[in-house]
Amino acid sequence: MHIKAWTLLLALGASPAWAIDPGPSSAPQKGTEQWLQLQSSGQAASRNSQATTAVEHEAAMQRWLDSYKLKIPQWYKDDDSGQISK
């Protein structure tokens, strides 16, 4: 019994019907994958240094830390949409 089950599993696993075709499944996905590959490869990287100053870095880190001070409501109501309050 075990040999038949293993044989069946191996036959189904080797079947090309179970394989997913390589590459993107849609035109938008293809474009997204091309942008991600271009970004990760560094082929289109700027030749100009993109460094920040210490003051800019500190301000960005402070904004990030301050974002944790915002209270997240337990529930959202329909009439709250589009309104910002502190």
Protein backbone atom coordinates (compact mmCIF):
# COMPACT_ATOMS: atom_id res chain seq x y z
CA MET A 1 0.00 0.00 0.00
CA HIS A 2 2.78 2.45 0.89
CA ILE A 3 4.61 1.80 -2.38
CA LYS A 4 1.49 2.60 -4.41
CA ALA A 5 0.94 5.83 -2.49
CA TRP A 6 4.55 6.93 -2.97
CA THR A 7 4.41 6.06 -6.66
CA LEU A 8 1.25 8.12 -7.06
CA LEU A 9 2.74 11.09 -5.18
CA LEU A 10 5.91 10.99 -7.27
CA ALA A 11 3.92 10.81 -10.50
CA LEU A 12 1.72 13.76 -9.52
CA GLY A 13 4.67 15.80 -8.28
CA ALA A 14 6.58 15.32 -11.52
CA SER A 15 3.60 16.27 -13.67
CA PRO A 16 4.07 19.53 -15.62
CA ALA A 17 0.40 20.39 -14.98
CA TRP A 18 1.35 21.30 -11.40
CA ALA A 19 4.09 23.71 -12.45
CA ILE A 20 3.57 27.45 -12.63
CA ASP A 21 4.80 29.09 -15.79
CA PRO A 22 7.87 31.25 -15.17
CA GLY A 23 7.62 34.99 -15.49
CA PRO A 24 4.94 37.57 -14.81
CA SER A 25 1.28 36.72 -15.18
CA SER A 26 0.19 40.15 -16.42
CA ALA A 27 1.57 43.24 -18.14
CA PRO A 28 1.45 45.37 -14.95
CA GLN A 29 3.30 42.65 -13.04
CA LYS A 30 5.93 42.50 -15.78
CA GLY A 31 6.48 46.25 -15.52
CA THR A 32 6.72 46.05 -11.74
CA GLU A 33 9.25 43.22 -11.91
CA GLN A 34 11.36 45.16 -14.43
CA TRP A 35 11.42 48.24 -12.16
CA LEU A 36 12.35 46.12 -9.14
CA GLN A 37 15.16 44.41 -11.04
CA LEU A 38 16.45 47.75 -12.33
CA GLN A 39 16.37 49.19 -8.82
CA SER A 40 18.12 46.24 -7.16
CA SER A 41 20.78 45.97 -9.87
CA GLY A 42 21.86 49.61 -9.51
CA GLN A 43 22.13 50.00 -13.30
CA ALA A 44 20.15 53.26 -13.25
CA ALA A 45 21.60 54.62 -10.02
CA SER A 46 22.44 58.29 -9.84
CA ARG A 47 26.09 59.23 -10.15
CA ASN A 48 25.49 62.08 -7.70
CA SER A 49 25.88 61.33 -4.04
CA GLN A 50 22.55 61.17 -2.24
CA ALA A 51 23.88 61.65 1.29
CA THR A 52 21.96 63.59 3.91
CA THR A 53 23.39 65.98 6.43
CA ALA A 54 23.38 65.17 10.13
CA VAL A 55 20.61 67.73 10.68
CA GLU A 56 18.42 66.19 7.96
CA HIS A 57 19.02 62.71 9.32
CA GLU A 58 18.15 63.76 12.86
CA ALA A 59 14.94 65.47 11.70
CA ALA A 60 13.85 62.37 9.76
CA MET A 61 14.54 60.11 12.74
CA GLN A 62 12.61 62.47 15.03
CA ARG A 63 9.59 62.44 12.67
CA TRP A 64 9.72 58.64 12.67
CA LEU A 65 9.87 58.47 16.46
CA ASP A 66 7.06 61.02 16.79
CA SER A 67 4.84 58.87 14.58
CA TYR A 68 4.64 56.34 17.42
CA LYS A 69 2.99 58.97 19.64
CA LEU A 70 -0.15 59.04 17.49
CA LYS A 71 -2.99 57.09 19.05
CA ILE A 72 -4.53 54.42 16.86
CA PRO A 73 -8.28 54.21 17.56
CA GLN A 74 -9.73 50.86 18.50
CA TRP A 75 -12.58 51.33 16.01
CA TYR A 76 -13.09 53.55 13.00
CA LYS A 77 -16.51 55.05 12.32
CA ASP A 78 -17.86 55.99 8.89
CA ASP A 79 -18.26 59.63 9.91
CA ASP A 80 -14.58 59.82 10.92
CA SER A 81 -13.30 59.35 7.39
CA GLY A 82 -11.50 62.30 5.93
CA GLN A 83 -11.07 64.08 9.25
CA ILE A 84 -7.80 64.51 11.11
CA SER A 85 -7.80 65.47 14.75
CA LYS A 86 -5.34 65.31 17.61
